[in-house]
PDB file of all heavy atoms in Angstrom:
ATOM      1  N   PRO A   1     115.356  83.173  83.946  1.00  0.00           N
ATOM      2  CA  PRO A   1     116.227  82.112  83.837  1.00  0.00           C
ATOM      3  C   PRO A   1     116.722  81.485  85.199  1.00  0.00           C
ATOM      4  O   PRO A   1     117.016  80.352  85.331  1.00  0.00           O
ATOM      5  CB  PRO A   1     117.413  82.645  83.051  1.00  0.00           C
ATOM      6  CG  PRO A   1     116.877  84.000  82.369  1.00  0.00           C
ATOM      7  CD  PRO A   1     115.714  84.349  83.249  1.00  0.00           C
ATOM      8  N   ASP A   2     116.802  82.403  86.236  1.00  0.00           N
ATOM      9  CA  ASP A   2     117.336  82.074  87.571  1.00  0.00           C
ATOM     10  C   ASP A   2     116.615  82.855  88.568  1.00  0.00           C
ATOM     11  O   ASP A   2     116.121  84.064  88.246  1.00  0.00           O
ATOM     12  CB  ASP A   2     118.819  82.224  87.586  1.00  0.00           C
ATOM     13  CG  ASP A   2     119.631  81.454  86.554  1.00  0.00           C
ATOM     14  OD1 ASP A   2     119.833  80.242  86.677  1.00  0.00           O
ATOM     15  OD2 ASP A   2     120.029  82.217  85.575  1.00  0.00           O
ATOM     16  N   TYR A   3     116.599  82.352  89.818  1.00  0.00           N
ATOM     17  CA  TYR A   3     116.215  83.246  90.929  1.00  0.00           C
ATOM     18  C   TYR A   3     116.787  82.721  92.164  1.00  0.00           C
ATOM     19  O   TYR A   3     117.095  81.624  92.287  1.00  0.00           O
ATOM     20  CB  TYR A   3     114.666  83.261  91.000  1.00  0.00           C
ATOM     21  CG  TYR A   3     113.989  81.900  91.296  1.00  0.00           C
ATOM     22  CD1 TYR A   3     113.909  81.451  92.639  1.00  0.00           C
ATOM     23  CD2 TYR A   3     113.361  81.088  90.332  1.00  0.00           C
ATOM     24  CE1 TYR A   3     113.294  80.271  92.912  1.00  0.00           C
ATOM     25  CE2 TYR A   3     112.643  79.891  90.598  1.00  0.00           C
ATOM     26  CZ  TYR A   3     112.728  79.535  92.005  1.00  0.00           C
ATOM     27  OH  TYR A   3     112.050  78.382  92.250  1.00  0.00           O
ATOM     28  N   LEU A   4     116.869  83.621  93.121  1.00  0.00           N
ATOM     29  CA  LEU A   4     117.255  83.256  94.562  1.00  0.00           C
ATOM     30  C   LEU A   4     116.108  83.351  95.410  1.00  0.00           C
ATOM     31  O   LEU A   4     115.322  84.394  95.406  1.00  0.00           O
ATOM     32  CB  LEU A   4     118.231  84.259  95.089  1.00  0.00           C
ATOM     33  CG  LEU A   4     119.696  84.149  94.576  1.00  0.00           C
ATOM     34  CD1 LEU A   4     120.649  85.239  95.313  1.00  0.00           C
ATOM     35  CD2 LEU A   4     120.324  82.841  94.894  1.00  0.00           C
ATOM     36  N   CYS A   5     115.831  82.371  96.076  1.00  0.00           N
ATOM     37  CA  CYS A   5     114.697  82.288  97.005  1.00  0.00           C
ATOM     38  C   CYS A   5     115.146  82.620  98.459  1.00  0.00           C
ATOM     39  O   CYS A   5     115.870  81.884  99.020  1.00  0.00           O
ATOM     40  CB  CYS A   5     113.995  80.930  96.997  1.00  0.00           C
ATOM     41  SG  CYS A   5     112.740  80.753  98.301  1.00  0.00           S
ATOM     42  N   MET A   6     114.834  83.699  98.882  1.00  0.00           N
ATOM     43  CA  MET A   6     115.272  84.225 100.228  1.00  0.00           C
ATOM     44  C   MET A   6     114.300  83.715 101.308  1.00  0.00           C
ATOM     45  O   MET A   6     113.217  83.263 101.121  1.00  0.00           O
ATOM     46  CB  MET A   6     115.318  85.745 100.240  1.00  0.00           C
ATOM     47  CG  MET A   6     116.167  86.409  99.166  1.00  0.00           C
ATOM     48  SD  MET A   6     117.788  85.626  99.037  1.00  0.00           S
ATOM     49  CE  MET A   6     118.436  85.977 100.643  1.00  0.00           C
ATOM     50  N   ASP A   7     114.650  83.882 102.653  1.00  0.00           N
ATOM     51  CA  ASP A   7     113.908  83.409 103.691  1.00  0.00           C
ATOM     52  C   ASP A   7     114.296  84.153 104.945  1.00  0.00           C
ATOM     53  O   ASP A   7     115.336  83.953 105.612  1.00  0.00           O
ATOM     54  CB  ASP A   7     114.279  81.901 103.864  1.00  0.00           C
ATOM     55  CG  ASP A   7     113.780  81.395 105.288  1.00  0.00           C
ATOM     56  OD1 ASP A   7     112.548  81.526 105.592  1.00  0.00           O
ATOM     57  OD2 ASP A   7     114.614  80.839 105.931  1.00  0.00           O
ATOM     58  N   GLY A   8     113.358  85.079 105.232  1.00  0.00           N
ATOM     59  CA  GLY A   8     113.581  85.853 106.612  1.00  0.00           C
ATOM     60  C   GLY A   8     112.135  86.001 107.233  1.00  0.00           C
ATOM     61  O   GLY A   8     111.176  85.719 106.701  1.00  0.00           O
ATOM     62  N   THR A   9     112.240  86.348 108.554  1.00  0.00           N
ATOM     63  CA  THR A   9     111.024  86.425 109.272  1.00  0.00           C
ATOM     64  C   THR A   9     110.950  87.777 109.995  1.00  0.00           C
ATOM     65  O   THR A   9     112.043  88.248 110.566  1.00  0.00           O
ATOM     66  CB  THR A   9     110.827  85.400 110.325  1.00  0.00           C
ATOM     67  OG1 THR A   9     110.896  84.073 109.503  1.00  0.00           O
ATOM     68  CG2 THR A   9     109.561  85.426 111.041  1.00  0.00           C
ATOM     69  N   ILE A  10     109.811  88.480 109.887  1.00  0.00           N
ATOM     70  CA  ILE A  10     109.561  89.788 110.479  1.00  0.00           C
ATOM     71  C   ILE A  10     108.364  89.879 111.419  1.00  0.00           C
ATOM     72  O   ILE A  10     107.453  89.014 111.215  1.00  0.00           O
ATOM     73  CB  ILE A  10     109.468  90.921 109.450  1.00  0.00           C
ATOM     74  CG1 ILE A  10     108.216  90.568 108.526  1.00  0.00           C
ATOM     75  CG2 ILE A  10     110.755  90.929 108.585  1.00  0.00           C
ATOM     76  CD1 ILE A  10     107.908  91.682 107.590  1.00  0.00           C
ATOM     77  N   PRO A  11     108.292  90.772 112.226  1.00  0.00           N
ATOM     78  CA  PRO A  11     106.872  90.954 112.954  1.00  0.00           C
ATOM     79  C   PRO A  11     105.891  91.356 111.978  1.00  0.00           C
ATOM     80  O   PRO A  11     106.088  92.120 110.978  1.00  0.00           O
ATOM     81  CB  PRO A  11     107.271  92.214 113.961  1.00  0.00           C
ATOM     82  CG  PRO A  11     108.816  92.171 113.990  1.00  0.00           C
ATOM     83  CD  PRO A  11     109.291  91.803 112.747  1.00  0.00           C
ATOM     84  N   ARG A  12     104.787  90.758 112.201  1.00  0.00           N
ATOM     85  CA  ARG A  12     103.658  90.982 111.209  1.00  0.00           C
ATOM     86  C   ARG A  12     103.425  92.430 110.870  1.00  0.00           C
ATOM     87  O   ARG A  12     103.130  93.037 109.891  1.00  0.00           O
ATOM     88  CB  ARG A  12     102.387  90.264 111.524  1.00  0.00           C
ATOM     89  CG  ARG A  12     102.503  88.785 111.344  1.00  0.00           C
ATOM     90  CD  ARG A  12     101.051  88.224 111.862  1.00  0.00           C
ATOM     91  NE  ARG A  12     100.796  88.289 113.258  1.00  0.00           N
ATOM     92  CZ  ARG A  12     101.123  87.369 114.158  1.00  0.00           C
ATOM     93  NH1 ARG A  12     101.614  86.147 113.562  1.00  0.00           N
ATOM     94  NH2 ARG A  12     100.963  87.372 115.353  1.00  0.00           N
ATOM     95  N   ALA A  13     103.524  93.277 111.964  1.00  0.00           N
ATOM     96  CA  ALA A  13     103.125  94.764 111.828  1.00  0.00           C
ATOM     97  C   ALA A  13     104.085  95.459 110.852  1.00  0.00           C
ATOM     98  O   ALA A  13     103.879  96.569 110.395  1.00  0.00           O
ATOM     99  CB  ALA A  13     103.168  95.419 113.214  1.00  0.00           C
ATOM    100  N   ALA A  14     105.344  94.856 110.726  1.00  0.00           N
ATOM    101  CA  ALA A  14     106.375  95.458 109.828  1.00  0.00           C
ATOM    102  C   ALA A  14     106.186  95.199 108.476  1.00  0.00           C
ATOM    103  O   ALA A  14     106.929  95.650 107.572  1.00  0.00           O
ATOM    104  CB  ALA A  14     107.746  95.095 110.315  1.00  0.00           C
ATOM    105  N   LEU A  15     105.230  94.372 107.980  1.00  0.00           N
ATOM    106  CA  LEU A  15     105.038  93.882 106.641  1.00  0.00           C
ATOM    107  C   LEU A  15     104.854  94.960 105.705  1.00  0.00           C
ATOM    108  O   LEU A  15     105.562  95.026 104.738  1.00  0.00           O
ATOM    109  CB  LEU A  15     103.872  92.946 106.566  1.00  0.00           C
ATOM    110  CG  LEU A  15     103.702  92.106 105.275  1.00  0.00           C
ATOM    111  CD1 LEU A  15     104.950  91.276 104.934  1.00  0.00           C
ATOM    112  CD2 LEU A  15     102.596  91.152 105.334  1.00  0.00           C
ATOM    113  N   PRO A  16     103.922  95.954 105.839  1.00  0.00           N
ATOM    114  CA  PRO A  16     103.948  97.159 104.881  1.00  0.00           C
ATOM    115  C   PRO A  16     105.141  97.790 104.759  1.00  0.00           C
ATOM    116  O   PRO A  16     105.477  98.107 103.569  1.00  0.00           O
ATOM    117  CB  PRO A  16     102.751  97.877 105.589  1.00  0.00           C
ATOM    118  CG  PRO A  16     102.001  97.084 106.387  1.00  0.00           C
ATOM    119  CD  PRO A  16     102.975  96.063 106.940  1.00  0.00           C
ATOM    120  N   LEU A  17     105.916  98.118 105.765  1.00  0.00           N
ATOM    121  CA  LEU A  17     107.159  98.748 105.625  1.00  0.00           C
ATOM    122  C   LEU A  17     108.257  98.057 104.942  1.00  0.00           C
ATOM    123  O   LEU A  17     108.874  98.458 103.946  1.00  0.00           O
ATOM    124  CB  LEU A  17     107.682  99.069 107.136  1.00  0.00           C
ATOM    125  CG  LEU A  17     109.225  99.591 107.160  1.00  0.00           C
ATOM    126  CD1 LEU A  17     109.286 100.941 106.467  1.00  0.00           C
ATOM    127  CD2 LEU A  17     109.645  99.749 108.555  1.00  0.00           C
ATOM    128  N   VAL A  18     108.326  96.705 105.246  1.00  0.00           N
ATOM    129  CA  VAL A  18     109.285  95.863 104.432  1.00  0.00           C
ATOM    130  C   VAL A  18     108.962  95.858 103.035  1.00  0.00           C
ATOM    131  O   VAL A  18     109.833  95.798 102.196  1.00  0.00           O
ATOM    132  CB  VAL A  18     109.283  94.464 105.212  1.00  0.00           C
ATOM    133  CG1 VAL A  18     110.166  93.548 104.310  1.00  0.00           C
ATOM    134  CG2 VAL A  18     109.925  94.625 106.588  1.00  0.00           C
ATOM    135  N   LEU A  19     107.697  95.572 102.627  1.00  0.00           N
ATOM    136  CA  LEU A  19     107.243  95.515 101.317  1.00  0.00           C
ATOM    137  C   LEU A  19     107.776  96.776 100.507  1.00  0.00           C
ATOM    138  O   LEU A  19     108.203  96.729  99.376  1.00  0.00           O
ATOM    139  CB  LEU A  19     105.820  95.273 101.152  1.00  0.00           C
ATOM    140  CG  LEU A  19     105.380  93.892 101.572  1.00  0.00           C
ATOM    141  CD1 LEU A  19     103.821  93.729 101.642  1.00  0.00           C
ATOM    142  CD2 LEU A  19     105.926  92.821 100.520  1.00  0.00           C
ATOM    143  N   ALA A  20     107.448  97.955 101.110  1.00  0.00           N
ATOM    144  CA  ALA A  20     107.849  99.198 100.495  1.00  0.00           C
ATOM    145  C   ALA A  20     109.394  99.314 100.444  1.00  0.00           C
ATOM    146  O   ALA A  20     109.806  99.695  99.297  1.00  0.00           O
ATOM    147  CB  ALA A  20     107.223 100.314 101.304  1.00  0.00           C
ATOM    148  N   ARG A  21     110.041  98.921 101.259  1.00  0.00           N
ATOM    149  CA  ARG A  21     111.566  99.022 101.234  1.00  0.00           C
ATOM    150  C   ARG A  21     112.105  97.988 100.096  1.00  0.00           C
ATOM    151  O   ARG A  21     113.153  98.405  99.482  1.00  0.00           O
ATOM    152  CB  ARG A  21     112.125  98.643 102.555  1.00  0.00           C
ATOM    153  CG  ARG A  21     111.948  99.796 103.678  1.00  0.00           C
ATOM    154  CD  ARG A  21     112.966 100.837 103.636  1.00  0.00           C
ATOM    155  NE  ARG A  21     114.289 100.345 103.864  1.00  0.00           N
ATOM    156  CZ  ARG A  21     114.714 100.232 105.206  1.00  0.00           C
ATOM    157  NH1 ARG A  21     114.021 100.715 106.168  1.00  0.00           N
ATOM    158  NH2 ARG A  21     115.970  99.716 105.291  1.00  0.00           N
ATOM    159  N   MET A  22     111.505  96.866 100.063  1.00  0.00           N
ATOM    160  CA  MET A  22     111.898  95.916  99.040  1.00  0.00           C
ATOM    161  C   MET A  22     111.629  96.566  97.607  1.00  0.00           C
ATOM    162  O   MET A  22     112.465  96.203  96.762  1.00  0.00           O
ATOM    163  CB  MET A  22     111.237  94.561  99.214  1.00  0.00           C
ATOM    164  CG  MET A  22     111.871  93.728 100.273  1.00  0.00           C
ATOM    165  SD  MET A  22     111.375  91.960 100.141  1.00  0.00           S
ATOM    166  CE  MET A  22     109.861  91.920 100.725  1.00  0.00           C
ATOM    167  N   ARG A  23     110.612  97.158  97.472  1.00  0.00           N
ATOM    168  CA  ARG A  23     110.309  97.761  96.160  1.00  0.00           C
ATOM    169  C   ARG A  23     111.481  98.790  95.853  1.00  0.00           C
ATOM    170  O   ARG A  23     111.868  98.819  94.655  1.00  0.00           O
ATOM    171  CB  ARG A  23     108.984  98.463  96.085  1.00  0.00           C
ATOM    172  CG  ARG A  23     107.894  97.516  95.759  1.00  0.00           C
ATOM    173  CD  ARG A  23     106.535  98.281  95.279  1.00  0.00           C
ATOM    174  NE  ARG A  23     106.112  99.192  96.221  1.00  0.00           N
ATOM    175  CZ  ARG A  23     105.431  98.849  97.270  1.00  0.00           C
ATOM    176  NH1 ARG A  23     104.882  97.634  97.291  1.00  0.00           N
ATOM    177  NH2 ARG A  23     104.863  99.715  98.137  1.00  0.00           N
ATOM    178  N   GLN A  24     111.903  99.494  96.775  1.00  0.00           N
ATOM    179  CA  GLN A  24     112.940 100.553  96.632  1.00  0.00           C
ATOM    180  C   GLN A  24     114.253  99.877  96.241  1.00  0.00           C
ATOM    181  O   GLN A  24     114.994 100.288  95.368  1.00  0.00           O
ATOM    182  CB  GLN A  24     113.158 101.329  97.838  1.00  0.00           C
ATOM    183  CG  GLN A  24     111.937 102.214  98.119  1.00  0.00           C
ATOM    184  CD  GLN A  24     112.070 103.002  99.531  1.00  0.00           C
ATOM    185  OE1 GLN A  24     113.026 102.765 100.224  1.00  0.00           O
ATOM    186  NE2 GLN A  24     111.124 103.766  99.872  1.00  0.00           N
ATOM    187  N   MET A  25     114.710  98.683  96.935  1.00  0.00           N
ATOM    188  CA  MET A  25     115.701  97.960  96.573  1.00  0.00           C
ATOM    189  C   MET A  25     115.743  97.354  95.332  1.00  0.00           C
ATOM    190  O   MET A  25     116.646  97.222  94.597  1.00  0.00           O
ATOM    191  CB  MET A  25     115.903  96.819  97.710  1.00  0.00           C
ATOM    192  CG  MET A  25     116.183  97.104  99.187  1.00  0.00           C
ATOM    193  SD  MET A  25     116.218  95.721 100.194  1.00  0.00           S
ATOM    194  CE  MET A  25     116.249  96.445 101.819  1.00  0.00           C
TER     195      MET A  25
END
């Protein structure tokens, strides 16, 4: 029904870590 579209930027090397942390969140 609704969604929030976020927008942030990270170093490419941090992508796997950030994806894993987002799943935990």
